[in-house]
PDB file of all heavy atoms in Angstrom:
ATOM      1  N   ALA A   1      70.708 120.258  52.310  1.00  0.00           N
ATOM      2  CA  ALA A   1      69.907 120.040  51.191  1.00  0.00           C
ATOM      3  C   ALA A   1      70.539 119.015  50.271  1.00  0.00           C
ATOM      4  O   ALA A   1      70.015 118.118  49.677  1.00  0.00           O
ATOM      5  CB  ALA A   1      69.620 121.365  50.420  1.00  0.00           C
ATOM      6  N   ILE A   2      71.888 119.184  49.945  1.00  0.00           N
ATOM      7  CA  ILE A   2      72.678 118.212  49.267  1.00  0.00           C
ATOM      8  C   ILE A   2      72.573 116.719  49.873  1.00  0.00           C
ATOM      9  O   ILE A   2      72.434 115.764  49.178  1.00  0.00           O
ATOM     10  CB  ILE A   2      74.155 118.770  49.038  1.00  0.00           C
ATOM     11  CG1 ILE A   2      73.983 119.976  48.091  1.00  0.00           C
ATOM     12  CG2 ILE A   2      74.921 117.658  48.289  1.00  0.00           C
ATOM     13  CD1 ILE A   2      75.389 120.597  48.029  1.00  0.00           C
ATOM     14  N   ALA A   3      72.795 116.720  51.187  1.00  0.00           N
ATOM     15  CA  ALA A   3      72.854 115.414  51.782  1.00  0.00           C
ATOM     16  C   ALA A   3      71.519 114.767  51.757  1.00  0.00           C
ATOM     17  O   ALA A   3      71.429 113.566  51.469  1.00  0.00           O
ATOM     18  CB  ALA A   3      73.421 115.599  53.256  1.00  0.00           C
ATOM     19  N   ARG A   4      70.385 115.595  51.893  1.00  0.00           N
ATOM     20  CA  ARG A   4      69.097 114.933  51.747  1.00  0.00           C
ATOM     21  C   ARG A   4      68.764 114.567  50.406  1.00  0.00           C
ATOM     22  O   ARG A   4      68.208 113.460  50.261  1.00  0.00           O
ATOM     23  CB  ARG A   4      68.064 116.100  52.267  1.00  0.00           C
ATOM     24  CG  ARG A   4      66.717 115.628  52.431  1.00  0.00           C
ATOM     25  CD  ARG A   4      65.782 116.687  52.924  1.00  0.00           C
ATOM     26  NE  ARG A   4      64.335 116.323  52.700  1.00  0.00           N
ATOM     27  CZ  ARG A   4      63.604 116.100  53.735  1.00  0.00           C
ATOM     28  NH1 ARG A   4      64.121 116.117  55.032  1.00  0.00           N
ATOM     29  NH2 ARG A   4      62.316 115.757  53.433  1.00  0.00           N
ATOM     30  N   ALA A   5      69.228 115.309  49.363  1.00  0.00           N
ATOM     31  CA  ALA A   5      68.938 114.913  48.047  1.00  0.00           C
ATOM     32  C   ALA A   5      69.697 113.550  47.837  1.00  0.00           C
ATOM     33  O   ALA A   5      69.179 112.617  46.992  1.00  0.00           O
ATOM     34  CB  ALA A   5      69.445 115.890  47.038  1.00  0.00           C
ATOM     35  N   ALA A   6      70.961 113.458  48.361  1.00  0.00           N
ATOM     36  CA  ALA A   6      71.768 112.230  47.989  1.00  0.00           C
ATOM     37  C   ALA A   6      71.143 111.099  48.795  1.00  0.00           C
ATOM     38  O   ALA A   6      71.017 109.933  48.049  1.00  0.00           O
ATOM     39  CB  ALA A   6      73.140 112.343  48.522  1.00  0.00           C
ATOM     40  N   TRP A   7      70.598 111.252  49.899  1.00  0.00           N
ATOM     41  CA  TRP A   7      69.995 110.190  50.664  1.00  0.00           C
ATOM     42  C   TRP A   7      68.613 109.716  49.899  1.00  0.00           C
ATOM     43  O   TRP A   7      68.376 108.503  49.781  1.00  0.00           O
ATOM     44  CB  TRP A   7      69.663 110.652  52.077  1.00  0.00           C
ATOM     45  CG  TRP A   7      69.007 109.465  52.847  1.00  0.00           C
ATOM     46  CD1 TRP A   7      67.690 109.201  53.157  1.00  0.00           C
ATOM     47  CD2 TRP A   7      69.652 108.372  53.624  1.00  0.00           C
ATOM     48  NE1 TRP A   7      67.415 108.178  53.935  1.00  0.00           N
ATOM     49  CE2 TRP A   7      68.802 107.624  54.238  1.00  0.00           C
ATOM     50  CE3 TRP A   7      70.941 108.160  53.751  1.00  0.00           C
ATOM     51  CZ2 TRP A   7      69.152 106.527  54.978  1.00  0.00           C
ATOM     52  CZ3 TRP A   7      71.376 107.007  54.500  1.00  0.00           C
ATOM     53  CH2 TRP A   7      70.457 106.268  55.080  1.00  0.00           C
ATOM     54  N   ARG A   8      67.828 110.614  49.509  1.00  0.00           N
ATOM     55  CA  ARG A   8      66.596 110.262  48.801  1.00  0.00           C
ATOM     56  C   ARG A   8      66.800 109.755  47.468  1.00  0.00           C
ATOM     57  O   ARG A   8      65.972 108.984  47.007  1.00  0.00           O
ATOM     58  CB  ARG A   8      65.752 111.592  48.621  1.00  0.00           C
ATOM     59  CG  ARG A   8      65.142 112.094  49.920  1.00  0.00           C
ATOM     60  CD  ARG A   8      64.092 113.088  49.713  1.00  0.00           C
ATOM     61  NE  ARG A   8      63.259 113.218  50.907  1.00  0.00           N
ATOM     62  CZ  ARG A   8      62.198 113.929  50.806  1.00  0.00           C
ATOM     63  NH1 ARG A   8      61.816 114.517  49.784  1.00  0.00           N
ATOM     64  NH2 ARG A   8      61.512 114.153  52.042  1.00  0.00           N
ATOM     65  N   SER A   9      68.041 110.005  46.843  1.00  0.00           N
ATOM     66  CA  SER A   9      68.219 109.398  45.502  1.00  0.00           C
ATOM     67  C   SER A   9      68.801 107.941  45.756  1.00  0.00           C
ATOM     68  O   SER A   9      69.012 107.195  44.685  1.00  0.00           O
ATOM     69  CB  SER A   9      69.273 110.187  44.716  1.00  0.00           C
ATOM     70  OG  SER A   9      70.555 110.110  45.371  1.00  0.00           O
ATOM     71  N   GLY A  10      69.044 107.500  46.933  1.00  0.00           N
ATOM     72  CA  GLY A  10      69.440 106.133  47.151  1.00  0.00           C
ATOM     73  C   GLY A  10      70.861 106.003  47.431  1.00  0.00           C
ATOM     74  O   GLY A  10      71.367 104.973  47.525  1.00  0.00           O
ATOM     75  N   THR A  11      71.640 107.087  47.463  1.00  0.00           N
ATOM     76  CA  THR A  11      73.057 106.973  47.708  1.00  0.00           C
ATOM     77  C   THR A  11      73.327 106.853  49.181  1.00  0.00           C
ATOM     78  O   THR A  11      72.830 107.677  50.061  1.00  0.00           O
ATOM     79  CB  THR A  11      73.891 108.337  47.254  1.00  0.00           C
ATOM     80  OG1 THR A  11      73.479 108.554  45.938  1.00  0.00           O
ATOM     81  CG2 THR A  11      75.245 108.291  47.474  1.00  0.00           C
ATOM     82  N   ARG A  12      73.941 105.710  49.574  1.00  0.00           N
ATOM     83  CA  ARG A  12      74.194 105.495  50.945  1.00  0.00           C
ATOM     84  C   ARG A  12      75.618 105.582  51.341  1.00  0.00           C
ATOM     85  O   ARG A  12      76.411 105.345  50.468  1.00  0.00           O
ATOM     86  CB  ARG A  12      73.764 104.070  51.339  1.00  0.00           C
ATOM     87  CG  ARG A  12      72.197 103.925  51.111  1.00  0.00           C
ATOM     88  CD  ARG A  12      71.328 104.667  52.057  1.00  0.00           C
ATOM     89  NE  ARG A  12      69.886 104.483  52.012  1.00  0.00           N
ATOM     90  CZ  ARG A  12      69.116 105.308  51.482  1.00  0.00           C
ATOM     91  NH1 ARG A  12      69.430 106.374  50.982  1.00  0.00           N
ATOM     92  NH2 ARG A  12      67.788 104.883  51.403  1.00  0.00           N
ATOM     93  N   PRO A  13      75.943 105.838  52.606  1.00  0.00           N
ATOM     94  CA  PRO A  13      77.372 106.002  52.970  1.00  0.00           C
ATOM     95  C   PRO A  13      78.135 104.597  52.841  1.00  0.00           C
ATOM     96  O   PRO A  13      77.522 103.623  53.061  1.00  0.00           O
ATOM     97  CB  PRO A  13      77.337 106.484  54.444  1.00  0.00           C
ATOM     98  CG  PRO A  13      75.947 106.864  54.691  1.00  0.00           C
ATOM     99  CD  PRO A  13      75.049 106.298  53.591  1.00  0.00           C
ATOM    100  N   GLU A  14      79.296 104.702  52.438  1.00  0.00           N
ATOM    101  CA  GLU A  14      80.174 103.483  52.331  1.00  0.00           C
ATOM    102  C   GLU A  14      80.462 103.001  53.776  1.00  0.00           C
ATOM    103  O   GLU A  14      80.879 103.816  54.587  1.00  0.00           O
ATOM    104  CB  GLU A  14      81.384 103.735  51.541  1.00  0.00           C
ATOM    105  CG  GLU A  14      81.065 104.012  50.030  1.00  0.00           C
ATOM    106  CD  GLU A  14      82.418 104.166  49.312  1.00  0.00           C
ATOM    107  OE1 GLU A  14      83.449 103.758  49.800  1.00  0.00           O
ATOM    108  OE2 GLU A  14      82.267 104.487  48.140  1.00  0.00           O
ATOM    109  N   PRO A  15      80.403 101.811  54.024  1.00  0.00           N
ATOM    110  CA  PRO A  15      80.757 101.309  55.379  1.00  0.00           C
ATOM    111  C   PRO A  15      82.203 101.443  55.531  1.00  0.00           C
ATOM    112  O   PRO A  15      83.059 101.018  54.677  1.00  0.00           O
ATOM    113  CB  PRO A  15      80.336  99.833  55.488  1.00  0.00           C
ATOM    114  CG  PRO A  15      80.211  99.409  54.066  1.00  0.00           C
ATOM    115  CD  PRO A  15      79.838 100.695  53.251  1.00  0.00           C
ATOM    116  N   CYS A  16      82.700 102.029  56.611  1.00  0.00           N
ATOM    117  CA  CYS A  16      84.034 102.178  56.883  1.00  0.00           C
ATOM    118  C   CYS A  16      84.562 101.635  58.154  1.00  0.00           C
ATOM    119  O   CYS A  16      85.632 101.936  58.730  1.00  0.00           O
ATOM    120  CB  CYS A  16      84.505 103.680  56.835  1.00  0.00           C
ATOM    121  SG  CYS A  16      83.564 104.676  58.012  1.00  0.00           S
ATOM    122  N   VAL A  17      83.836 100.629  58.671  1.00  0.00           N
ATOM    123  CA  VAL A  17      84.188  99.950  60.040  1.00  0.00           C
ATOM    124  C   VAL A  17      85.154  98.844  59.589  1.00  0.00           C
ATOM    125  O   VAL A  17      84.886  98.013  58.845  1.00  0.00           O
ATOM    126  CB  VAL A  17      82.980  99.422  60.719  1.00  0.00           C
ATOM    127  CG1 VAL A  17      83.441  98.725  61.921  1.00  0.00           C
ATOM    128  CG2 VAL A  17      82.061 100.593  61.036  1.00  0.00           C
ATOM    129  N   ILE A  18      86.341  98.842  60.302  1.00  0.00           N
ATOM    130  CA  ILE A  18      87.182  97.726  60.126  1.00  0.00           C
ATOM    131  C   ILE A  18      87.329  96.841  61.465  1.00  0.00           C
ATOM    132  O   ILE A  18      87.666  97.557  62.478  1.00  0.00           O
ATOM    133  CB  ILE A  18      88.762  98.357  59.764  1.00  0.00           C
ATOM    134  CG1 ILE A  18      88.493  99.041  58.447  1.00  0.00           C
ATOM    135  CG2 ILE A  18      89.711  97.080  59.725  1.00  0.00           C
ATOM    136  CD1 ILE A  18      89.817  99.701  58.020  1.00  0.00           C
ATOM    137  N   ASP A  19      87.101  95.635  61.341  1.00  0.00           N
ATOM    138  CA  ASP A  19      87.105  94.820  62.517  1.00  0.00           C
ATOM    139  C   ASP A  19      88.340  94.075  62.486  1.00  0.00           C
ATOM    140  O   ASP A  19      88.523  93.034  61.832  1.00  0.00           O
ATOM    141  CB  ASP A  19      85.802  93.854  62.527  1.00  0.00           C
ATOM    142  CG  ASP A  19      85.784  93.070  63.820  1.00  0.00           C
ATOM    143  OD1 ASP A  19      86.482  93.287  64.659  1.00  0.00           O
ATOM    144  OD2 ASP A  19      84.754  92.228  63.884  1.00  0.00           O
ATOM    145  N   ALA A  20      89.419  94.644  63.227  1.00  0.00           N
ATOM    146  CA  ALA A  20      90.645  94.017  63.266  1.00  0.00           C
ATOM    147  C   ALA A  20      90.631  92.573  63.991  1.00  0.00           C
ATOM    148  O   ALA A  20      91.426  91.811  63.545  1.00  0.00           O
ATOM    149  CB  ALA A  20      91.654  94.832  63.968  1.00  0.00           C
ATOM    150  N   LEU A  21      89.764  92.423  64.927  1.00  0.00           N
ATOM    151  CA  LEU A  21      89.791  91.152  65.644  1.00  0.00           C
ATOM    152  C   LEU A  21      89.209  90.047  64.711  1.00  0.00           C
ATOM    153  O   LEU A  21      89.799  88.961  64.765  1.00  0.00           O
ATOM    154  CB  LEU A  21      88.817  91.220  66.898  1.00  0.00           C
ATOM    155  CG  LEU A  21      88.644  89.944  67.735  1.00  0.00           C
ATOM    156  CD1 LEU A  21      90.063  89.466  68.312  1.00  0.00           C
ATOM    157  CD2 LEU A  21      87.585  90.147  68.790  1.00  0.00           C
ATOM    158  N   GLU A  22      88.299  90.331  63.833  1.00  0.00           N
ATOM    159  CA  GLU A  22      87.742  89.402  62.905  1.00  0.00           C
ATOM    160  C   GLU A  22      88.873  88.987  61.959  1.00  0.00           C
ATOM    161  O   GLU A  22      89.046  87.952  61.602  1.00  0.00           O
ATOM    162  CB  GLU A  22      86.558  89.849  62.288  1.00  0.00           C
ATOM    163  CG  GLU A  22      85.969  88.958  61.231  1.00  0.00           C
ATOM    164  CD  GLU A  22      84.788  89.464  60.440  1.00  0.00           C
ATOM    165  OE1 GLU A  22      84.216  90.506  61.046  1.00  0.00           O
ATOM    166  OE2 GLU A  22      84.370  88.935  59.388  1.00  0.00           O
ATOM    167  N   GLU A  23      89.576  90.021  61.467  1.00  0.00           N
ATOM    168  CA  GLU A  23      90.690  89.825  60.487  1.00  0.00           C
ATOM    169  C   GLU A  23      91.826  88.987  61.155  1.00  0.00           C
ATOM    170  O   GLU A  23      92.322  87.999  60.442  1.00  0.00           O
ATOM    171  CB  GLU A  23      91.313  91.144  60.043  1.00  0.00           C
ATOM    172  CG  GLU A  23      90.355  91.941  59.055  1.00  0.00           C
ATOM    173  CD  GLU A  23      90.906  93.208  58.623  1.00  0.00           C
ATOM    174  OE1 GLU A  23      92.171  93.489  58.968  1.00  0.00           O
ATOM    175  OE2 GLU A  23      90.212  94.026  57.992  1.00  0.00           O
ATOM    176  N   ASN A  24      92.116  89.169  62.477  1.00  0.00           N
ATOM    177  CA  ASN A  24      93.107  88.312  63.020  1.00  0.00           C
ATOM    178  C   ASN A  24      92.773  86.909  63.262  1.00  0.00           C
ATOM    179  O   ASN A  24      93.599  86.005  63.074  1.00  0.00           O
ATOM    180  CB  ASN A  24      93.531  89.063  64.425  1.00  0.00           C
ATOM    181  CG  ASN A  24      94.297  90.301  64.350  1.00  0.00           C
ATOM    182  OD1 ASN A  24      94.978  90.480  63.239  1.00  0.00           O
ATOM    183  ND2 ASN A  24      94.315  91.078  65.288  1.00  0.00           N
ATOM    184  N   GLU A  25      91.400  86.777  63.649  1.00  0.00           N
ATOM    185  CA  GLU A  25      90.898  85.400  63.806  1.00  0.00           C
ATOM    186  C   GLU A  25      90.902  84.593  62.445  1.00  0.00           C
ATOM    187  O   GLU A  25      91.257  83.543  62.396  1.00  0.00           O
ATOM    188  CB  GLU A  25      89.475  85.440  64.269  1.00  0.00           C
ATOM    189  CG  GLU A  25      89.517  85.925  65.804  1.00  0.00           C
ATOM    190  CD  GLU A  25      88.042  85.971  66.445  1.00  0.00           C
ATOM    191  OE1 GLU A  25      87.142  85.818  65.690  1.00  0.00           O
ATOM    192  OE2 GLU A  25      87.992  86.254  67.579  1.00  0.00           O
ATOM    193  N   ARG A  26      90.522  85.446  61.359  1.00  0.00           N
ATOM    194  CA  ARG A  26      90.529  84.889  60.114  1.00  0.00           C
ATOM    195  C   ARG A  26      91.913  84.366  59.675  1.00  0.00           C
ATOM    196  O   ARG A  26      92.275  83.308  59.122  1.00  0.00           O
ATOM    197  CB  ARG A  26      89.775  85.676  59.103  1.00  0.00           C
ATOM    198  CG  ARG A  26      89.694  85.115  57.639  1.00  0.00           C
ATOM    199  CD  ARG A  26      89.031  85.974  56.675  1.00  0.00           C
ATOM    200  NE  ARG A  26      88.363  87.205  57.234  1.00  0.00           N
ATOM    201  CZ  ARG A  26      88.629  88.429  56.894  1.00  0.00           C
ATOM    202  NH1 ARG A  26      89.488  88.702  55.989  1.00  0.00           N
ATOM    203  NH2 ARG A  26      88.026  89.479  57.517  1.00  0.00           N
ATOM    204  N   ASP A  27      92.902  85.295  59.838  1.00  0.00           N
ATOM    205  CA  ASP A  27      94.291  85.029  59.489  1.00  0.00           C
ATOM    206  C   ASP A  27      94.792  83.910  60.349  1.00  0.00           C
ATOM    207  O   ASP A  27      95.515  82.930  59.836  1.00  0.00           O
ATOM    208  CB  ASP A  27      95.182  86.261  59.777  1.00  0.00           C
ATOM    209  CG  ASP A  27      94.990  87.351  58.804  1.00  0.00           C
ATOM    210  OD1 ASP A  27      94.306  87.038  57.725  1.00  0.00           O
ATOM    211  OD2 ASP A  27      95.309  88.493  59.066  1.00  0.00           O
ATOM    212  N   ASN A  28      94.456  83.686  61.593  1.00  0.00           N
ATOM    213  CA  ASN A  28      94.951  82.666  62.495  1.00  0.00           C
ATOM    214  C   ASN A  28      94.295  81.270  62.010  1.00  0.00           C
ATOM    215  O   ASN A  28      95.020  80.248  61.995  1.00  0.00           O
ATOM    216  CB  ASN A  28      94.627  82.903  63.933  1.00  0.00           C
ATOM    217  CG  ASN A  28      95.529  84.129  64.438  1.00  0.00           C
ATOM    218  OD1 ASN A  28      96.625  84.290  63.988  1.00  0.00           O
ATOM    219  ND2 ASN A  28      94.991  84.636  65.599  1.00  0.00           N
ATOM    220  N   ALA A  29      93.058  81.338  61.660  1.00  0.00           N
ATOM    221  CA  ALA A  29      92.446  80.181  61.086  1.00  0.00           C
ATOM    222  C   ALA A  29      93.005  79.691  59.832  1.00  0.00           C
ATOM    223  O   ALA A  29      93.294  78.487  59.522  1.00  0.00           O
ATOM    224  CB  ALA A  29      90.932  80.492  60.801  1.00  0.00           C
ATOM    225  N   LEU A  30      93.371  80.615  59.001  1.00  0.00           N
ATOM    226  CA  LEU A  30      94.094  80.208  57.654  1.00  0.00           C
ATOM    227  C   LEU A  30      95.413  79.644  57.989  1.00  0.00           C
ATOM    228  O   LEU A  30      95.847  78.597  57.300  1.00  0.00           O
ATOM    229  CB  LEU A  30      94.162  81.405  56.743  1.00  0.00           C
ATOM    230  CG  LEU A  30      92.818  81.921  56.242  1.00  0.00           C
ATOM    231  CD1 LEU A  30      93.068  83.100  55.305  1.00  0.00           C
ATOM    232  CD2 LEU A  30      92.248  80.820  55.241  1.00  0.00           C
ATOM    233  N   LYS A  31      96.144  80.321  58.879  1.00  0.00           N
ATOM    234  CA  LYS A  31      97.555  79.746  59.198  1.00  0.00           C
ATOM    235  C   LYS A  31      97.404  78.451  59.793  1.00  0.00           C
ATOM    236  O   LYS A  31      98.185  77.542  59.532  1.00  0.00           O
ATOM    237  CB  LYS A  31      98.216  80.694  60.165  1.00  0.00           C
ATOM    238  CG  LYS A  31      98.691  82.000  59.501  1.00  0.00           C
ATOM    239  CD  LYS A  31      99.225  82.921  60.610  1.00  0.00           C
ATOM    240  CE  LYS A  31      99.585  84.338  59.943  1.00  0.00           C
ATOM    241  NZ  LYS A  31     100.161  85.158  61.006  1.00  0.00           N
TER     242      LYS A  31
END
């Protein structure tokens, strides 16, 4: 019930996916 109320009120989960490959490519491009 609490999760459903949070979802209906517009509260969405925070994204927690970390793309290490993208970060490495970005760092290599900056270097």
